[in-house]
Amino acid sequence: MSRGSWIFILSLLGMIGSWFGTVLYPQIQLGRMVETRTVPDGQVYPVARPGLAAQGREVYRSQGCYTCHSQQVRQEGVSVGLAITKVGTNQTALVEAILRIAPQWRRDQVTAGLERLPFQVMDGVAAAEAERARRPLEAAGATTMVTVRPVGADLARGWGLRRSVAADFLWDHPVMLGSQRVGPDLAGVGSRLPDENWLLVHLWDPQIHTPGSMMPPYRYLFEVRPAAEVASQDALLLPEGKGPGPGKVVVPRPEARALVAYLRSLEAKAPLFETPVILPAGLSGTSALSVHAAVERP
């Protein structure tokens, strides 16, 4: 066989291999995805975005927002801990057991924590240590839970409750993951910034809420009208001195309201089997509990 024939065959095999790797395999892996069930309530996820938010997705794309914002919360690892979910009948013995296995706590802190369950006794320990610590707590009558909490810089910044997964983008075409983070990640912006007026003000003038922001103003998504011609509920609520002048108000165009509807729909907080979700902190203890990857035992 001539050298030219070998070159042709090898080139053809390379093209076929590339097609399998970049087209067919991703289609097999992701192209047949369907809605899944959340954990633990079993709700269908994801659902298609409502009409106004779907329109706003096109505004987001047309304005090139994805060039400066990403939509992919990253996770760097997990932190294993131990929590108490039920106290039992012998609280005195339980307090003593907690103080022995977790000496960083004061007695008054433990007593207060047991009144506002779940109480995170330990966090950031090895799985074996958490399992060993269960025994004296269960001997004192408590019900315990080994927790697995996702950790990472994105989660610490509050950009999301969990890492982003493929299911989050099932109904988005195209998927706008973004490649830069000139601005913050927006995967969970609808949860952390749900206020419509705040987002509209940020589009009008990013410096109002975020001094020093590199984001340009999108004032062409708004109209300046005489105040007498506009109903109060239609006008943008701006801080004093930030408006267009006496007798005038700012009115968002439909494109601005649609864009904000899309941003508010970006939550990506549903607890899924493949990724744990942090419940709201502040119940008690040093951190929140995770919905899944937690093993409860009386």
C-alpha atoms as a PDB file:
ATOM      1  CA  MET A   1       0.000   0.000   0.000  1.00  0.00           C
ATOM      2  CA  SER A   2       1.357   3.404  -0.946  1.00  0.00           C
ATOM      3  CA  ARG A   3       2.283   6.092   1.564  1.00  0.00           C
ATOM      4  CA  GLY A   4      -0.568   8.258   0.292  1.00  0.00           C
ATOM      5  CA  SER A   5      -3.088   5.528   1.047  1.00  0.00           C
ATOM      6  CA  TRP A   6      -1.786   5.169   4.597  1.00  0.00           C
ATOM      7  CA  ILE A   7      -1.982   8.920   5.131  1.00  0.00           C
ATOM      8  CA  PHE A   8      -5.586   8.920   3.884  1.00  0.00           C
ATOM      9  CA  ILE A   9      -6.582   5.976   6.106  1.00  0.00           C
ATOM     10  CA  LEU A  10      -4.937   7.461   9.206  1.00  0.00           C
ATOM     11  CA  SER A  11      -6.503  10.857   8.540  1.00  0.00           C
ATOM     12  CA  LEU A  12      -9.910   9.248   8.113  1.00  0.00           C
ATOM     13  CA  LEU A  13      -9.514   7.280  11.348  1.00  0.00           C
ATOM     14  CA  GLY A  14      -8.479  10.466  13.142  1.00  0.00           C
ATOM     15  CA  MET A  15     -11.552  12.291  11.890  1.00  0.00           C
ATOM     16  CA  ILE A  16     -13.826   9.397  12.874  1.00  0.00           C
ATOM     17  CA  GLY A  17     -12.253   9.215  16.324  1.00  0.00           C
ATOM     18  CA  SER A  18     -12.640  12.961  16.784  1.00  0.00           C
ATOM     19  CA  TRP A  19     -16.284  12.772  15.749  1.00  0.00           C
ATOM     20  CA  PHE A  20     -16.954   9.982  18.238  1.00  0.00           C
ATOM     21  CA  GLY A  21     -15.179  11.883  21.012  1.00  0.00           C
ATOM     22  CA  THR A  22     -16.596  15.352  20.433  1.00  0.00           C
ATOM     23  CA  VAL A  23     -20.049  14.659  18.970  1.00  0.00           C
ATOM     24  CA  LEU A  24     -21.350  11.124  19.555  1.00  0.00           C
ATOM     25  CA  TYR A  25     -20.104  10.479  23.094  1.00  0.00           C
ATOM     26  CA  PRO A  26     -21.417  13.800  24.511  1.00  0.00           C
ATOM     27  CA  GLN A  27     -24.734  13.104  22.785  1.00  0.00           C
ATOM     28  CA  ILE A  28     -24.919   9.665  24.401  1.00  0.00           C
ATOM     29  CA  GLN A  29     -23.896  11.067  27.776  1.00  0.00           C
ATOM     30  CA  LEU A  30     -25.907  14.295  27.866  1.00  0.00           C
ATOM     31  CA  GLY A  31     -28.143  14.489  24.823  1.00  0.00           C
ATOM     32  CA  ARG A  32     -30.747  12.096  26.213  1.00  0.00           C
ATOM     33  CA  MET A  33     -31.078  13.745  29.592  1.00  0.00           C
ATOM     34  CA  VAL A  34     -34.587  14.223  30.925  1.00  0.00           C
ATOM     35  CA  GLU A  35     -36.021  15.876  34.006  1.00  0.00           C
ATOM     36  CA  THR A  36     -35.023  14.320  37.292  1.00  0.00           C
ATOM     37  CA  ARG A  37     -36.446  14.314  40.810  1.00  0.00           C
ATOM     38  CA  THR A  38     -35.149  16.518  43.571  1.00  0.00           C
ATOM     39  CA  VAL A  39     -34.028  15.276  46.962  1.00  0.00           C
ATOM     40  CA  PRO A  40     -35.840  14.912  49.327  1.00  0.00           C
ATOM     41  CA  ASP A  41     -39.222  16.275  48.157  1.00  0.00           C
ATOM     42  CA  GLY A  42     -39.254  14.588  44.744  1.00  0.00           C
ATOM     43  CA  GLN A  43     -40.206  17.648  42.678  1.00  0.00           C
ATOM     44  CA  VAL A  44     -39.488  17.504  38.937  1.00  0.00           C
ATOM     45  CA  TYR A  45     -36.358  19.442  37.965  1.00  0.00           C
ATOM     46  CA  PRO A  46     -35.712  21.454  35.911  1.00  0.00           C
ATOM     47  CA  VAL A  47     -38.869  23.083  34.619  1.00  0.00           C
ATOM     48  CA  ALA A  48     -38.894  25.265  31.528  1.00  0.00           C
ATOM     49  CA  ARG A  49     -38.453  28.967  32.204  1.00  0.00           C
ATOM     50  CA  PRO A  50     -41.682  31.000  32.050  1.00  0.00           C
ATOM     51  CA  GLY A  51     -42.334  33.104  28.959  1.00  0.00           C
ATOM     52  CA  LEU A  52     -40.934  36.443  30.163  1.00  0.00           C
ATOM     53  CA  ALA A  53     -37.776  34.788  31.513  1.00  0.00           C
ATOM     54  CA  ALA A  54     -37.350  32.901  28.233  1.00  0.00           C
ATOM     55  CA  GLN A  55     -37.549  36.220  26.390  1.00  0.00           C
ATOM     56  CA  GLY A  56     -35.028  37.654  28.811  1.00  0.00           C
ATOM     57  CA  ARG A  57     -32.627  34.833  28.031  1.00  0.00           C
ATOM     58  CA  GLU A  58     -32.502  36.115  24.463  1.00  0.00           C
ATOM     59  CA  VAL A  59     -31.859  39.651  25.726  1.00  0.00           C
ATOM     60  CA  TYR A  60     -29.059  38.276  27.920  1.00  0.00           C
ATOM     61  CA  ARG A  61     -27.561  36.566  24.888  1.00  0.00           C
ATOM     62  CA  SER A  62     -27.950  39.531  22.552  1.00  0.00           C
ATOM     63  CA  GLN A  63     -26.274  41.875  25.040  1.00  0.00           C
ATOM     64  CA  GLY A  64     -23.308  39.512  25.377  1.00  0.00           C
ATOM     65  CA  CYS A  65     -23.672  39.223  29.154  1.00  0.00           C
ATOM     66  CA  TYR A  66     -22.038  35.783  29.024  1.00  0.00           C
ATOM     67  CA  THR A  67     -18.726  37.375  27.984  1.00  0.00           C
ATOM     68  CA  CYS A  68     -18.249  38.820  31.493  1.00  0.00           C
ATOM     69  CA  HIS A  69     -20.414  36.530  33.635  1.00  0.00           C
ATOM     70  CA  SER A  70     -20.312  32.768  34.037  1.00  0.00           C
ATOM     71  CA  GLN A  71     -23.092  30.416  35.089  1.00  0.00           C
ATOM     72  CA  GLN A  72     -21.109  27.553  36.565  1.00  0.00           C
ATOM     73  CA  VAL A  73     -20.594  27.250  40.316  1.00  0.00           C
ATOM     74  CA  ARG A  74     -17.554  25.136  41.050  1.00  0.00           C
ATOM     75  CA  GLN A  75     -16.973  22.803  43.963  1.00  0.00           C
ATOM     76  CA  GLU A  76     -13.498  21.996  45.251  1.00  0.00           C
ATOM     77  CA  GLY A  77     -14.282  19.259  47.739  1.00  0.00           C
ATOM     78  CA  VAL A  78     -16.458  18.268  50.665  1.00  0.00           C
ATOM     79  CA  SER A  79     -16.338  18.763  54.408  1.00  0.00           C
ATOM     80  CA  VAL A  80     -17.515  15.887  56.608  1.00  0.00           C
ATOM     81  CA  GLY A  81     -19.168  16.622  59.922  1.00  0.00           C
ATOM     82  CA  LEU A  82     -21.542  15.317  62.570  1.00  0.00           C
ATOM     83  CA  ALA A  83     -24.895  16.776  63.579  1.00  0.00           C
ATOM     84  CA  ILE A  84     -27.538  15.983  66.164  1.00  0.00           C
ATOM     85  CA  THR A  85     -31.101  15.917  64.854  1.00  0.00           C
ATOM     86  CA  LYS A  86     -32.921  14.628  67.975  1.00  0.00           C
ATOM     87  CA  VAL A  87     -31.893  15.033  71.599  1.00  0.00           C
ATOM     88  CA  GLY A  88     -33.426  12.086  73.408  1.00  0.00           C
ATOM     89  CA  THR A  89     -34.410  11.934  77.082  1.00  0.00           C
ATOM     90  CA  ASN A  90     -31.049  12.317  78.849  1.00  0.00           C
ATOM     91  CA  GLN A  91     -29.913  15.793  77.827  1.00  0.00           C
ATOM     92  CA  THR A  92     -27.444  16.088  80.722  1.00  0.00           C
ATOM     93  CA  ALA A  93     -25.520  13.020  79.571  1.00  0.00           C
ATOM     94  CA  LEU A  94     -25.666  14.244  75.987  1.00  0.00           C
ATOM     95  CA  VAL A  95     -24.156  17.627  76.890  1.00  0.00           C
ATOM     96  CA  GLU A  96     -21.275  15.891  78.670  1.00  0.00           C
ATOM     97  CA  ALA A  97     -20.701  13.589  75.694  1.00  0.00           C
ATOM     98  CA  ILE A  98     -20.588  16.540  73.300  1.00  0.00           C
ATOM     99  CA  LEU A  99     -18.076  18.398  75.468  1.00  0.00           C
ATOM    100  CA  ARG A 100     -15.821  15.329  75.487  1.00  0.00           C
ATOM    101  CA  ILE A 101     -15.773  14.780  71.724  1.00  0.00           C
ATOM    102  CA  ALA A 102     -15.891  18.487  70.735  1.00  0.00           C
ATOM    103  CA  PRO A 103     -14.017  20.491  73.399  1.00  0.00           C
ATOM    104  CA  GLN A 104     -14.193  23.651  71.279  1.00  0.00           C
ATOM    105  CA  TRP A 105     -17.749  24.159  72.527  1.00  0.00           C
ATOM    106  CA  ARG A 106     -18.683  25.837  75.801  1.00  0.00           C
ATOM    107  CA  ARG A 107     -21.400  24.335  77.939  1.00  0.00           C
ATOM    108  CA  ASP A 108     -23.790  27.250  77.370  1.00  0.00           C
ATOM    109  CA  GLN A 109     -23.263  27.006  73.602  1.00  0.00           C
ATOM    110  CA  VAL A 110     -24.084  23.298  73.610  1.00  0.00           C
ATOM    111  CA  THR A 111     -27.209  23.836  75.710  1.00  0.00           C
ATOM    112  CA  ALA A 112     -28.404  26.573  73.365  1.00  0.00           C
ATOM    113  CA  GLY A 113     -27.593  24.493  70.298  1.00  0.00           C
ATOM    114  CA  LEU A 114     -29.626  21.531  71.510  1.00  0.00           C
ATOM    115  CA  GLU A 115     -32.664  23.797  71.774  1.00  0.00           C
ATOM    116  CA  ARG A 116     -32.458  24.697  68.056  1.00  0.00           C
ATOM    117  CA  LEU A 117     -31.926  21.463  66.165  1.00  0.00           C
ATOM    118  CA  PRO A 118     -30.226  20.366  64.007  1.00  0.00           C
ATOM    119  CA  PHE A 119     -27.047  21.086  65.933  1.00  0.00           C
ATOM    120  CA  GLN A 120     -23.771  20.733  63.997  1.00  0.00           C
ATOM    121  CA  VAL A 121     -21.368  19.323  66.562  1.00  0.00           C
ATOM    122  CA  MET A 122     -18.357  18.742  64.308  1.00  0.00           C
ATOM    123  CA  ASP A 123     -17.319  19.896  60.868  1.00  0.00           C
ATOM    124  CA  GLY A 124     -14.242  19.461  58.711  1.00  0.00           C
ATOM    125  CA  VAL A 125     -13.209  16.100  60.136  1.00  0.00           C
ATOM    126  CA  ALA A 126     -12.376  12.729  58.638  1.00  0.00           C
ATOM    127  CA  ALA A 127     -15.304  10.411  57.938  1.00  0.00           C
ATOM    128  CA  ALA A 128     -13.903   7.817  60.340  1.00  0.00           C
ATOM    129  CA  GLU A 129     -13.688  10.416  63.122  1.00  0.00           C
ATOM    130  CA  ALA A 130     -17.291  11.448  62.570  1.00  0.00           C
ATOM    131  CA  GLU A 131     -18.394   7.816  62.729  1.00  0.00           C
ATOM    132  CA  ARG A 132     -16.463   7.247  65.972  1.00  0.00           C
ATOM    133  CA  ALA A 133     -17.966  10.368  67.516  1.00  0.00           C
ATOM    134  CA  ARG A 134     -21.497   9.099  66.869  1.00  0.00           C
ATOM    135  CA  ARG A 135     -21.207   6.296  69.390  1.00  0.00           C
ATOM    136  CA  PRO A 136     -21.097   8.272  72.649  1.00  0.00           C
ATOM    137  CA  LEU A 137     -23.805  10.632  71.400  1.00  0.00           C
ATOM    138  CA  GLU A 138     -26.097   7.772  70.456  1.00  0.00           C
ATOM    139  CA  ALA A 139     -25.350   6.100  73.785  1.00  0.00           C
ATOM    140  CA  ALA A 140     -26.711   9.269  75.405  1.00  0.00           C
ATOM    141  CA  GLY A 141     -29.955   8.842  73.448  1.00  0.00           C
ATOM    142  CA  ALA A 142     -29.375  11.282  70.588  1.00  0.00           C
ATOM    143  CA  THR A 143     -30.143  10.762  66.926  1.00  0.00           C
ATOM    144  CA  THR A 144     -27.119  11.755  64.838  1.00  0.00           C
ATOM    145  CA  MET A 145     -26.333  12.465  61.216  1.00  0.00           C
ATOM    146  CA  VAL A 146     -23.010  12.352  59.401  1.00  0.00           C
ATOM    147  CA  THR A 147     -23.120  15.302  57.023  1.00  0.00           C
ATOM    148  CA  VAL A 148     -21.250  15.966  53.789  1.00  0.00           C
ATOM    149  CA  ARG A 149     -21.035  19.666  52.925  1.00  0.00           C
ATOM    150  CA  PRO A 150     -19.736  20.861  49.546  1.00  0.00           C
ATOM    151  CA  VAL A 151     -16.975  23.441  49.832  1.00  0.00           C
ATOM    152  CA  GLY A 152     -15.110  25.717  47.457  1.00  0.00           C
ATOM    153  CA  ALA A 153     -14.363  29.360  46.753  1.00  0.00           C
ATOM    154  CA  ASP A 154     -17.532  29.829  44.685  1.00  0.00           C
ATOM    155  CA  LEU A 155     -19.695  28.438  47.472  1.00  0.00           C
ATOM    156  CA  ALA A 156     -17.893  30.559  50.078  1.00  0.00           C
ATOM    157  CA  ARG A 157     -18.615  33.667  47.995  1.00  0.00           C
ATOM    158  CA  GLY A 158     -22.301  32.822  48.108  1.00  0.00           C
ATOM    159  CA  TRP A 159     -22.562  32.298  44.366  1.00  0.00           C
ATOM    160  CA  GLY A 160     -24.589  29.128  44.810  1.00  0.00           C
ATOM    161  CA  LEU A 161     -25.808  26.513  47.245  1.00  0.00           C
ATOM    162  CA  ARG A 162     -24.164  23.707  45.293  1.00  0.00           C
ATOM    163  CA  ARG A 163     -22.038  23.058  42.225  1.00  0.00           C
ATOM    164  CA  SER A 164     -23.578  23.386  38.789  1.00  0.00           C
ATOM    165  CA  VAL A 165     -24.498  20.173  36.963  1.00  0.00           C
ATOM    166  CA  ALA A 166     -25.698  19.380  33.436  1.00  0.00           C
ATOM    167  CA  ALA A 167     -29.338  19.094  34.525  1.00  0.00           C
ATOM    168  CA  ASP A 168     -29.400  22.808  35.372  1.00  0.00           C
ATOM    169  CA  PHE A 169     -29.176  23.681  31.672  1.00  0.00           C
ATOM    170  CA  LEU A 170     -31.572  21.106  30.226  1.00  0.00           C
ATOM    171  CA  TRP A 171     -34.008  23.659  28.775  1.00  0.00           C
ATOM    172  CA  ASP A 172     -31.476  26.362  27.861  1.00  0.00           C
ATOM    173  CA  HIS A 173     -30.547  26.703  24.202  1.00  0.00           C
ATOM    174  CA  PRO A 174     -27.877  27.824  23.835  1.00  0.00           C
ATOM    175  CA  VAL A 175     -26.219  27.135  27.170  1.00  0.00           C
ATOM    176  CA  MET A 176     -24.332  30.272  28.214  1.00  0.00           C
ATOM    177  CA  LEU A 177     -21.748  28.945  30.662  1.00  0.00           C
ATOM    178  CA  GLY A 178     -19.411  31.871  30.055  1.00  0.00           C
ATOM    179  CA  SER A 179     -15.637  31.798  29.958  1.00  0.00           C
ATOM    180  CA  GLN A 180     -14.673  34.799  32.115  1.00  0.00           C
ATOM    181  CA  ARG A 181     -15.560  36.252  35.482  1.00  0.00           C
ATOM    182  CA  VAL A 182     -15.143  39.957  35.068  1.00  0.00           C
ATOM    183  CA  GLY A 183     -18.359  40.056  37.074  1.00  0.00           C
ATOM    184  CA  PRO A 184     -19.677  37.525  39.597  1.00  0.00           C
ATOM    185  CA  ASP A 185     -21.082  34.151  38.614  1.00  0.00           C
ATOM    186  CA  LEU A 186     -24.834  34.335  37.958  1.00  0.00           C
ATOM    187  CA  ALA A 187     -25.882  30.692  38.349  1.00  0.00           C
ATOM    188  CA  GLY A 188     -27.668  31.523  41.621  1.00  0.00           C
ATOM    189  CA  VAL A 189     -28.275  35.252  41.232  1.00  0.00           C
ATOM    190  CA  GLY A 190     -32.053  34.789  41.406  1.00  0.00           C
ATOM    191  CA  SER A 191     -31.710  33.410  44.938  1.00  0.00           C
ATOM    192  CA  ARG A 192     -29.260  35.953  46.318  1.00  0.00           C
ATOM    193  CA  LEU A 193     -30.667  39.027  44.522  1.00  0.00           C
ATOM    194  CA  PRO A 194     -34.395  38.394  44.042  1.00  0.00           C
ATOM    195  CA  ASP A 195     -35.443  42.056  44.207  1.00  0.00           C
ATOM    196  CA  GLU A 196     -36.614  43.211  40.765  1.00  0.00           C
ATOM    197  CA  ASN A 197     -36.014  46.907  41.414  1.00  0.00           C
ATOM    198  CA  TRP A 198     -32.461  46.249  42.655  1.00  0.00           C
ATOM    199  CA  LEU A 199     -31.592  44.460  39.429  1.00  0.00           C
ATOM    200  CA  LEU A 200     -33.215  47.138  37.272  1.00  0.00           C
ATOM    201  CA  VAL A 201     -31.306  49.876  39.126  1.00  0.00           C
ATOM    202  CA  HIS A 202     -28.112  47.898  38.575  1.00  0.00           C
ATOM    203  CA  LEU A 203     -28.777  47.813  34.837  1.00  0.00           C
ATOM    204  CA  TRP A 204     -29.504  51.557  34.797  1.00  0.00           C
ATOM    205  CA  ASP A 205     -26.371  52.474  36.768  1.00  0.00           C
ATOM    206  CA  PRO A 206     -24.145  49.717  38.246  1.00  0.00           C
ATOM    207  CA  GLN A 207     -22.266  52.302  40.326  1.00  0.00           C
ATOM    208  CA  ILE A 208     -25.303  52.930  42.535  1.00  0.00           C
ATOM    209  CA  HIS A 209     -25.194  49.541  44.253  1.00  0.00           C
ATOM    210  CA  THR A 210     -21.628  48.507  43.399  1.00  0.00           C
ATOM    211  CA  PRO A 211     -19.213  51.462  43.405  1.00  0.00           C
ATOM    212  CA  GLY A 212     -16.216  50.745  41.192  1.00  0.00           C
ATOM    213  CA  SER A 213     -18.060  48.147  39.108  1.00  0.00           C
ATOM    214  CA  MET A 214     -16.623  47.587  35.636  1.00  0.00           C
ATOM    215  CA  MET A 215     -20.085  46.846  34.259  1.00  0.00           C
ATOM    216  CA  PRO A 216     -21.293  49.451  31.759  1.00  0.00           C
ATOM    217  CA  PRO A 217     -24.727  51.041  32.217  1.00  0.00           C
ATOM    218  CA  TYR A 218     -27.498  49.720  29.972  1.00  0.00           C
ATOM    219  CA  ARG A 219     -29.533  52.911  29.838  1.00  0.00           C
ATOM    220  CA  TYR A 220     -30.793  52.204  26.347  1.00  0.00           C
ATOM    221  CA  LEU A 221     -32.961  49.533  27.966  1.00  0.00           C
ATOM    222  CA  PHE A 222     -34.845  52.341  29.724  1.00  0.00           C
ATOM    223  CA  GLU A 223     -36.805  55.473  28.829  1.00  0.00           C
ATOM    224  CA  VAL A 224     -36.793  58.869  30.553  1.00  0.00           C
ATOM    225  CA  ARG A 225     -40.303  60.310  30.665  1.00  0.00           C
ATOM    226  CA  PRO A 226     -42.144  63.175  32.350  1.00  0.00           C
ATOM    227  CA  ALA A 227     -43.278  62.007  35.789  1.00  0.00           C
ATOM    228  CA  ALA A 228     -46.813  63.248  35.147  1.00  0.00           C
ATOM    229  CA  GLU A 229     -47.232  60.759  32.302  1.00  0.00           C
ATOM    230  CA  VAL A 230     -46.098  57.647  34.192  1.00  0.00           C
ATOM    231  CA  ALA A 231     -47.905  55.632  36.864  1.00  0.00           C
ATOM    232  CA  SER A 232     -45.857  55.357  40.024  1.00  0.00           C
ATOM    233  CA  GLN A 233     -45.705  51.554  39.867  1.00  0.00           C
ATOM    234  CA  ASP A 234     -44.136  51.702  36.388  1.00  0.00           C
ATOM    235  CA  ALA A 235     -41.280  54.031  37.325  1.00  0.00           C
ATOM    236  CA  LEU A 236     -37.890  52.817  38.505  1.00  0.00           C
ATOM    237  CA  LEU A 237     -37.240  53.545  42.189  1.00  0.00           C
ATOM    238  CA  LEU A 238     -33.863  55.307  42.251  1.00  0.00           C
ATOM    239  CA  PRO A 239     -31.969  56.687  45.255  1.00  0.00           C
ATOM    240  CA  GLU A 240     -32.231  60.405  45.782  1.00  0.00           C
ATOM    241  CA  GLY A 241     -29.937  62.304  43.440  1.00  0.00           C
ATOM    242  CA  LYS A 242     -29.500  59.375  41.034  1.00  0.00           C
ATOM    243  CA  GLY A 243     -32.498  60.093  38.821  1.00  0.00           C
ATOM    244  CA  PRO A 244     -32.711  61.960  35.510  1.00  0.00           C
ATOM    245  CA  GLY A 245     -33.720  65.279  37.076  1.00  0.00           C
ATOM    246  CA  PRO A 246     -36.753  67.118  38.476  1.00  0.00           C
ATOM    247  CA  GLY A 247     -40.072  66.150  36.968  1.00  0.00           C
ATOM    248  CA  LYS A 248     -38.682  63.109  35.156  1.00  0.00           C
ATOM    249  CA  VAL A 249     -38.644  59.387  35.884  1.00  0.00           C
ATOM    250  CA  VAL A 250     -36.946  56.325  34.458  1.00  0.00           C
ATOM    251  CA  VAL A 251     -39.172  53.632  32.958  1.00  0.00           C
ATOM    252  CA  PRO A 252     -37.760  50.180  32.107  1.00  0.00           C
ATOM    253  CA  ARG A 253     -38.402  49.012  28.571  1.00  0.00           C
ATOM    254  CA  PRO A 254     -39.898  45.536  28.084  1.00  0.00           C
ATOM    255  CA  GLU A 255     -36.405  44.226  27.256  1.00  0.00           C
ATOM    256  CA  ALA A 256     -35.111  45.348  30.667  1.00  0.00           C
ATOM    257  CA  ARG A 257     -37.974  43.673  32.536  1.00  0.00           C
ATOM    258  CA  ALA A 258     -37.518  40.494  30.508  1.00  0.00           C
ATOM    259  CA  LEU A 259     -33.779  40.450  31.231  1.00  0.00           C
ATOM    260  CA  VAL A 260     -34.439  40.858  34.948  1.00  0.00           C
ATOM    261  CA  ALA A 261     -37.049  38.082  34.821  1.00  0.00           C
ATOM    262  CA  TYR A 262     -34.390  35.813  33.337  1.00  0.00           C
ATOM    263  CA  LEU A 263     -31.845  36.756  36.004  1.00  0.00           C
ATOM    264  CA  ARG A 264     -34.380  36.087  38.741  1.00  0.00           C
ATOM    265  CA  SER A 265     -35.034  32.640  37.244  1.00  0.00           C
ATOM    266  CA  LEU A 266     -31.356  31.691  37.683  1.00  0.00           C
ATOM    267  CA  GLU A 267     -31.447  29.832  40.987  1.00  0.00           C
ATOM    268  CA  ALA A 268     -29.919  26.365  40.452  1.00  0.00           C
ATOM    269  CA  LYS A 269     -30.585  25.440  44.060  1.00  0.00           C
ATOM    270  CA  ALA A 270     -32.673  22.280  43.734  1.00  0.00           C
ATOM    271  CA  PRO A 271     -31.106  19.423  45.731  1.00  0.00           C
ATOM    272  CA  LEU A 272     -30.205  16.670  43.280  1.00  0.00           C
ATOM    273  CA  PHE A 273     -28.891  13.165  43.789  1.00  0.00           C
ATOM    274  CA  GLU A 274     -25.553  13.948  42.137  1.00  0.00           C
ATOM    275  CA  THR A 275     -24.817  17.050  44.194  1.00  0.00           C
ATOM    276  CA  PRO A 276     -25.623  17.934  47.825  1.00  0.00           C
ATOM    277  CA  VAL A 277     -27.220  21.227  48.745  1.00  0.00           C
ATOM    278  CA  ILE A 278     -26.498  23.323  51.804  1.00  0.00           C
ATOM    279  CA  LEU A 279     -29.589  24.193  53.806  1.00  0.00           C
ATOM    280  CA  PRO A 280     -29.879  27.787  55.111  1.00  0.00           C
ATOM    281  CA  ALA A 281     -27.410  28.396  57.901  1.00  0.00           C
ATOM    282  CA  GLY A 282     -28.268  29.969  61.201  1.00  0.00           C
ATOM    283  CA  LEU A 283     -30.231  27.187  62.847  1.00  0.00           C
ATOM    284  CA  SER A 284     -27.392  26.319  65.185  1.00  0.00           C
ATOM    285  CA  GLY A 285     -23.860  25.075  65.163  1.00  0.00           C
ATOM    286  CA  THR A 286     -20.942  26.039  63.001  1.00  0.00           C
ATOM    287  CA  SER A 287     -22.398  25.269  59.577  1.00  0.00           C
ATOM    288  CA  ALA A 288     -25.449  24.092  57.700  1.00  0.00           C
ATOM    289  CA  LEU A 289     -26.533  20.545  57.027  1.00  0.00           C
ATOM    290  CA  SER A 290     -26.595  18.902  53.647  1.00  0.00           C
ATOM    291  CA  VAL A 291     -29.735  17.393  52.190  1.00  0.00           C
ATOM    292  CA  HIS A 292     -28.137  14.350  50.645  1.00  0.00           C
ATOM    293  CA  ALA A 293     -25.025  12.358  51.374  1.00  0.00           C
ATOM    294  CA  ALA A 294     -26.130  12.430  54.991  1.00  0.00           C
ATOM    295  CA  VAL A 295     -26.656   9.230  56.942  1.00  0.00           C
ATOM    296  CA  GLU A 296     -29.004   9.499  59.899  1.00  0.00           C
ATOM    297  CA  ARG A 297     -29.082   6.906  62.605  1.00  0.00           C
ATOM    298  CA  PRO A 298     -30.874   6.765  65.951  1.00  0.00           C
END
